[in-house]
Amino acid sequence: MKRLTTYYFLLLAGFNVFFALCLSSATAKHGYLIKESLGTALPLPTQWILQYSWWPLAGAAVCAIGTVLSLLGRPKDNTLRNLLIVFLFVELGAMFLTAIAFIMVRF
């Protein structure tokens, strides 16, 4: 594990598993409020993110694949960095929509 990209992918995989556990418990806790307000005020992408609370596990799988690719050294490090940056942008957007959904459900 000589590359710093490997550590980033491992760290993100761990955070994604933790976030998946927290998101599933929060969705279960606020399930009634979420189902009640899904049809009224939430945008369609936000509804999808809340309905499919397994997306952080998919992110953890992508990070695990990135870790394995980084360990094997098949793609160049620049390619893996670009993959990591694109992944972070997508995941930050999904986290933003999740936070907005929980804020809208609370009010």
N, C-alpha and C. Protein backbone atom coordinates (compact mmCIF):
# COMPACT_ATOMS: atom_id res chain seq x y z
N MET A 1 0.84 -1.17 0.00
CA MET A 1 0.00 0.00 0.00
C MET A 1 0.89 1.24 0.00
N LYS A 2 1.48 1.45 -1.13
CA LYS A 2 2.39 2.57 -1.25
C LYS A 2 1.67 3.86 -1.63
N ARG A 3 0.52 3.72 -2.26
CA ARG A 3 -0.14 4.89 -2.80
C ARG A 3 -1.09 5.52 -1.79
N LEU A 4 -1.12 6.83 -1.78
CA LEU A 4 -2.03 7.55 -0.90
C LEU A 4 -3.48 7.35 -1.33
N THR A 5 -3.70 7.13 -2.61
CA THR A 5 -5.06 6.90 -3.11
C THR A 5 -5.68 5.66 -2.46
N THR A 6 -4.87 4.65 -2.19
CA THR A 6 -5.37 3.44 -1.53
C THR A 6 -5.94 3.77 -0.16
N TYR A 7 -5.25 4.60 0.59
CA TYR A 7 -5.73 4.97 1.91
C TYR A 7 -7.02 5.79 1.83
N TYR A 8 -7.11 6.66 0.83
CA TYR A 8 -8.35 7.43 0.65
C TYR A 8 -9.52 6.51 0.37
N PHE A 9 -9.32 5.55 -0.52
CA PHE A 9 -10.41 4.61 -0.83
C PHE A 9 -10.79 3.78 0.41
N LEU A 10 -9.82 3.35 1.19
CA LEU A 10 -10.12 2.59 2.40
C LEU A 10 -10.89 3.44 3.42
N LEU A 11 -10.47 4.68 3.59
CA LEU A 11 -11.14 5.58 4.51
C LEU A 11 -12.58 5.84 4.07
N LEU A 12 -12.77 6.09 2.79
CA LEU A 12 -14.13 6.33 2.28
C LEU A 12 -15.00 5.09 2.38
N ALA A 13 -14.43 3.92 2.17
CA ALA A 13 -15.22 2.69 2.33
C ALA A 13 -15.70 2.54 3.77
N GLY A 14 -14.83 2.81 4.72
CA GLY A 14 -15.23 2.75 6.12
C GLY A 14 -16.30 3.76 6.47
N PHE A 15 -16.15 4.99 5.99
CA PHE A 15 -17.15 6.02 6.24
C PHE A 15 -18.48 5.68 5.58
N ASN A 16 -18.44 5.08 4.41
CA ASN A 16 -19.68 4.72 3.72
C ASN A 16 -20.43 3.61 4.46
N VAL A 17 -19.71 2.65 5.00
CA VAL A 17 -20.38 1.60 5.78
C VAL A 17 -21.00 2.21 7.03
N PHE A 18 -20.28 3.08 7.71
CA PHE A 18 -20.82 3.75 8.90
C PHE A 18 -22.04 4.60 8.53
N PHE A 19 -21.95 5.33 7.43
CA PHE A 19 -23.07 6.17 7.00
C PHE A 19 -24.27 5.33 6.60
N ALA A 20 -24.04 4.18 6.01
CA ALA A 20 -25.15 3.29 5.65
C ALA A 20 -25.88 2.81 6.89
N LEU A 21 -25.14 2.47 7.93
CA LEU A 21 -25.77 2.04 9.17
C LEU A 21 -26.57 3.17 9.81
N CYS A 22 -26.00 4.36 9.83
CA CYS A 22 -26.71 5.51 10.41
C CYS A 22 -27.92 5.90 9.58
N LEU A 23 -27.79 5.87 8.26
CA LEU A 23 -28.90 6.28 7.40
C LEU A 23 -30.05 5.29 7.49
N SER A 24 -29.75 4.01 7.54
CA SER A 24 -30.84 3.03 7.62
C SER A 24 -31.57 3.14 8.96
N SER A 25 -30.85 3.39 10.05
CA SER A 25 -31.53 3.54 11.34
C SER A 25 -32.31 4.84 11.41
N ALA A 26 -31.79 5.91 10.82
CA ALA A 26 -32.52 7.18 10.82
C ALA A 26 -33.76 7.09 9.94
N THR A 27 -33.66 6.40 8.81
CA THR A 27 -34.82 6.23 7.95
C THR A 27 -35.87 5.37 8.63
N ALA A 28 -35.45 4.36 9.35
CA ALA A 28 -36.40 3.53 10.07
C ALA A 28 -37.06 4.31 11.20
N LYS A 29 -36.31 5.17 11.87
CA LYS A 29 -36.85 5.95 12.98
C LYS A 29 -37.88 6.96 12.50
N HIS A 30 -37.59 7.60 11.38
CA HIS A 30 -38.48 8.62 10.85
C HIS A 30 -39.31 8.11 9.67
N GLY A 31 -39.53 6.81 9.62
CA GLY A 31 -40.21 6.20 8.48
C GLY A 31 -41.59 6.75 8.23
N TYR A 32 -42.37 6.94 9.28
CA TYR A 32 -43.74 7.43 9.10
C TYR A 32 -43.74 8.85 8.55
N LEU A 33 -42.89 9.70 9.11
CA LEU A 33 -42.84 11.08 8.63
C LEU A 33 -42.35 11.15 7.19
N ILE A 34 -41.40 10.30 6.84
CA ILE A 34 -40.87 10.31 5.48
C ILE A 34 -41.94 9.83 4.50
N LYS A 35 -42.65 8.75 4.83
CA LYS A 35 -43.70 8.26 3.94
C LYS A 35 -44.83 9.25 3.81
N GLU A 36 -45.12 9.97 4.87
CA GLU A 36 -46.20 10.95 4.85
C GLU A 36 -45.86 12.14 3.95
N SER A 37 -44.60 12.56 3.95
CA SER A 37 -44.24 13.76 3.19
C SER A 37 -43.58 13.46 1.85
N LEU A 38 -43.40 12.20 1.49
CA LEU A 38 -42.75 11.89 0.21
C LEU A 38 -43.54 12.41 -0.97
N GLY A 39 -44.83 12.33 -0.92
CA GLY A 39 -45.62 12.74 -2.07
C GLY A 39 -45.89 14.21 -2.15
N THR A 40 -45.53 14.98 -1.14
CA THR A 40 -45.94 16.37 -1.12
C THR A 40 -44.84 17.34 -1.51
N ALA A 41 -43.77 17.39 -0.74
CA ALA A 41 -42.84 18.50 -0.92
C ALA A 41 -41.44 18.10 -1.38
N LEU A 42 -41.14 16.84 -1.42
CA LEU A 42 -39.77 16.44 -1.73
C LEU A 42 -39.56 16.27 -3.23
N PRO A 43 -38.44 16.77 -3.75
CA PRO A 43 -38.14 16.55 -5.16
C PRO A 43 -37.88 15.07 -5.46
N LEU A 44 -37.99 14.72 -6.73
CA LEU A 44 -37.87 13.32 -7.13
C LEU A 44 -36.51 12.69 -6.77
N PRO A 45 -35.37 13.36 -7.02
CA PRO A 45 -34.10 12.73 -6.61
C PRO A 45 -34.01 12.49 -5.11
N THR A 46 -34.58 13.38 -4.33
CA THR A 46 -34.57 13.20 -2.89
C THR A 46 -35.42 12.02 -2.48
N GLN A 47 -36.54 11.83 -3.13
CA GLN A 47 -37.37 10.67 -2.85
C GLN A 47 -36.63 9.37 -3.16
N TRP A 48 -35.92 9.35 -4.27
CA TRP A 48 -35.17 8.15 -4.64
C TRP A 48 -34.10 7.84 -3.60
N ILE A 49 -33.40 8.88 -3.14
CA ILE A 49 -32.32 8.66 -2.19
C ILE A 49 -32.87 8.11 -0.88
N LEU A 50 -34.03 8.60 -0.45
CA LEU A 50 -34.60 8.11 0.80
C LEU A 50 -35.23 6.73 0.64
N GLN A 51 -35.79 6.45 -0.52
CA GLN A 51 -36.39 5.13 -0.72
C GLN A 51 -35.34 4.04 -0.80
N TYR A 52 -34.20 4.37 -1.37
CA TYR A 52 -33.13 3.40 -1.52
C TYR A 52 -31.99 3.78 -0.58
N SER A 53 -32.12 3.41 0.68
CA SER A 53 -31.12 3.83 1.66
C SER A 53 -29.87 2.95 1.63
N TRP A 54 -29.75 2.08 0.63
CA TRP A 54 -28.57 1.22 0.49
C TRP A 54 -27.49 1.87 -0.35
N TRP A 55 -27.71 3.10 -0.83
CA TRP A 55 -26.71 3.69 -1.73
C TRP A 55 -25.35 3.91 -1.07
N PRO A 56 -25.23 4.15 0.26
CA PRO A 56 -23.88 4.22 0.82
C PRO A 56 -23.14 2.88 0.74
N LEU A 57 -23.88 1.77 0.80
CA LEU A 57 -23.21 0.47 0.64
C LEU A 57 -22.68 0.30 -0.78
N ALA A 58 -23.42 0.83 -1.76
CA ALA A 58 -22.91 0.82 -3.13
C ALA A 58 -21.65 1.68 -3.23
N GLY A 59 -21.64 2.79 -2.51
CA GLY A 59 -20.44 3.63 -2.46
C GLY A 59 -19.27 2.91 -1.81
N ALA A 60 -19.56 2.14 -0.77
CA ALA A 60 -18.50 1.36 -0.13
C ALA A 60 -17.96 0.30 -1.08
N ALA A 61 -18.83 -0.28 -1.89
CA ALA A 61 -18.37 -1.27 -2.89
C ALA A 61 -17.48 -0.61 -3.94
N VAL A 62 -17.85 0.59 -4.37
CA VAL A 62 -17.02 1.31 -5.35
C VAL A 62 -15.65 1.62 -4.73
N CYS A 63 -15.64 2.02 -3.47
CA CYS A 63 -14.37 2.31 -2.79
C CYS A 63 -13.54 1.05 -2.60
N ALA A 64 -14.19 -0.07 -2.34
CA ALA A 64 -13.45 -1.34 -2.21
C ALA A 64 -12.82 -1.73 -3.55
N ILE A 65 -13.57 -1.55 -4.62
CA ILE A 65 -13.02 -1.83 -5.95
C ILE A 65 -11.84 -0.90 -6.24
N GLY A 66 -11.98 0.38 -5.88
CA GLY A 66 -10.88 1.33 -6.06
C GLY A 66 -9.66 0.94 -5.25
N THR A 67 -9.87 0.43 -4.05
CA THR A 67 -8.76 -0.02 -3.22
C THR A 67 -8.03 -1.20 -3.86
N VAL A 68 -8.80 -2.15 -4.34
CA VAL A 68 -8.20 -3.33 -4.98
C VAL A 68 -7.44 -2.91 -6.24
N LEU A 69 -8.03 -2.03 -7.03
CA LEU A 69 -7.34 -1.56 -8.24
C LEU A 69 -6.06 -0.81 -7.89
N SER A 70 -6.12 -0.03 -6.82
CA SER A 70 -4.93 0.70 -6.40
C SER A 70 -3.85 -0.25 -5.90
N LEU A 71 -4.25 -1.31 -5.19
CA LEU A 71 -3.27 -2.28 -4.71
C LEU A 71 -2.64 -3.07 -5.86
N LEU A 72 -3.46 -3.40 -6.84
CA LEU A 72 -2.94 -4.16 -7.99
C LEU A 72 -2.09 -3.29 -8.90
N GLY A 73 -2.35 -1.99 -8.90
CA GLY A 73 -1.57 -1.08 -9.71
C GLY A 73 -1.88 -1.14 -11.18
N ARG A 74 -3.07 -1.64 -11.54
CA ARG A 74 -3.42 -1.76 -12.96
C ARG A 74 -3.59 -0.39 -13.61
N PRO A 75 -4.56 0.42 -13.14
CA PRO A 75 -4.65 1.74 -13.77
C PRO A 75 -3.62 2.69 -13.17
N LYS A 76 -3.37 3.77 -13.87
CA LYS A 76 -2.43 4.76 -13.37
C LYS A 76 -3.04 5.49 -12.18
N ASP A 77 -2.20 6.08 -11.39
CA ASP A 77 -2.67 6.78 -10.18
C ASP A 77 -3.52 7.99 -10.53
N ASN A 78 -3.23 8.65 -11.65
CA ASN A 78 -4.04 9.79 -12.06
C ASN A 78 -5.47 9.37 -12.40
N THR A 79 -5.63 8.22 -13.01
CA THR A 79 -6.96 7.71 -13.33
C THR A 79 -7.74 7.43 -12.06
N LEU A 80 -7.09 6.83 -11.08
CA LEU A 80 -7.76 6.54 -9.81
C LEU A 80 -8.11 7.82 -9.06
N ARG A 81 -7.25 8.82 -9.14
CA ARG A 81 -7.57 10.10 -8.50
C ARG A 81 -8.79 10.75 -9.15
N ASN A 82 -8.86 10.69 -10.47
CA ASN A 82 -10.03 11.24 -11.16
C ASN A 82 -11.30 10.50 -10.79
N LEU A 83 -11.21 9.16 -10.69
CA LEU A 83 -12.35 8.36 -10.26
C LEU A 83 -12.77 8.74 -8.85
N LEU A 84 -11.80 8.96 -7.97
CA LEU A 84 -12.09 9.35 -6.60
C LEU A 84 -12.77 10.72 -6.54
N ILE A 85 -12.32 11.65 -7.33
CA ILE A 85 -12.92 13.00 -7.33
C ILE A 85 -14.35 12.95 -7.85
N VAL A 86 -14.59 12.22 -8.92
CA VAL A 86 -15.95 12.10 -9.46
C VAL A 86 -16.85 11.42 -8.44
N PHE A 87 -16.35 10.37 -7.81
CA PHE A 87 -17.13 9.66 -6.80
C PHE A 87 -17.48 10.58 -5.64
N LEU A 88 -16.53 11.40 -5.20
CA LEU A 88 -16.80 12.32 -4.09
C LEU A 88 -17.86 13.35 -4.45
N PHE A 89 -17.82 13.87 -5.68
CA PHE A 89 -18.85 14.82 -6.11
C PHE A 89 -20.23 14.18 -6.11
N VAL A 90 -20.33 12.97 -6.63
CA VAL A 90 -21.62 12.28 -6.66
C VAL A 90 -22.11 11.99 -5.25
N GLU A 91 -21.22 11.54 -4.41
CA GLU A 91 -21.64 11.20 -3.05
C GLU A 91 -21.99 12.43 -2.23
N LEU A 92 -21.27 13.51 -2.41
CA LEU A 92 -21.62 14.73 -1.69
C LEU A 92 -22.98 15.25 -2.12
N GLY A 93 -23.31 15.10 -3.40
CA GLY A 93 -24.64 15.49 -3.86
C GLY A 93 -25.72 14.64 -3.24
N ALA A 94 -25.48 13.35 -3.14
CA ALA A 94 -26.46 12.46 -2.51
C ALA A 94 -26.60 12.76 -1.02
N MET A 95 -25.50 13.05 -0.35
CA MET A 95 -25.57 13.41 1.07
C MET A 95 -26.31 14.72 1.27
N PHE A 96 -26.10 15.68 0.37
CA PHE A 96 -26.82 16.95 0.46
C PHE A 96 -28.32 16.73 0.32
N LEU A 97 -28.72 15.91 -0.66
CA LEU A 97 -30.14 15.64 -0.84
C LEU A 97 -30.73 14.90 0.36
N THR A 98 -29.95 14.02 0.97
CA THR A 98 -30.41 13.32 2.16
C THR A 98 -30.61 14.28 3.32
N ALA A 99 -29.66 15.19 3.50
CA ALA A 99 -29.80 16.16 4.58
C ALA A 99 -30.99 17.07 4.35
N ILE A 100 -31.20 17.51 3.11
CA ILE A 100 -32.36 18.35 2.79
C ILE A 100 -33.65 17.60 3.06
N ALA A 101 -33.69 16.32 2.72
CA ALA A 101 -34.90 15.54 2.94
C ALA A 101 -35.23 15.43 4.42
N PHE A 102 -34.22 15.17 5.25
CA PHE A 102 -34.47 15.06 6.68
C PHE A 102 -34.88 16.41 7.28
N ILE A 103 -34.34 17.49 6.75
CA ILE A 103 -34.74 18.81 7.23
C ILE A 103 -36.17 19.10 6.84
N MET A 104 -36.55 18.76 5.61
CA MET A 104 -37.92 19.02 5.15
C MET A 104 -38.92 18.14 5.88
N VAL A 105 -38.53 16.93 6.23
CA VAL A 105 -39.43 16.03 6.95
C VAL A 105 -39.66 16.55 8.36
N ARG A 106 -38.64 17.13 8.97
CA ARG A 106 -38.77 17.61 10.34
C ARG A 106 -39.71 18.81 10.44
N PHE A 107 -39.82 19.62 9.37
CA PHE A 107 -40.66 20.82 9.44
C PHE A 107 -41.96 20.61 8.77
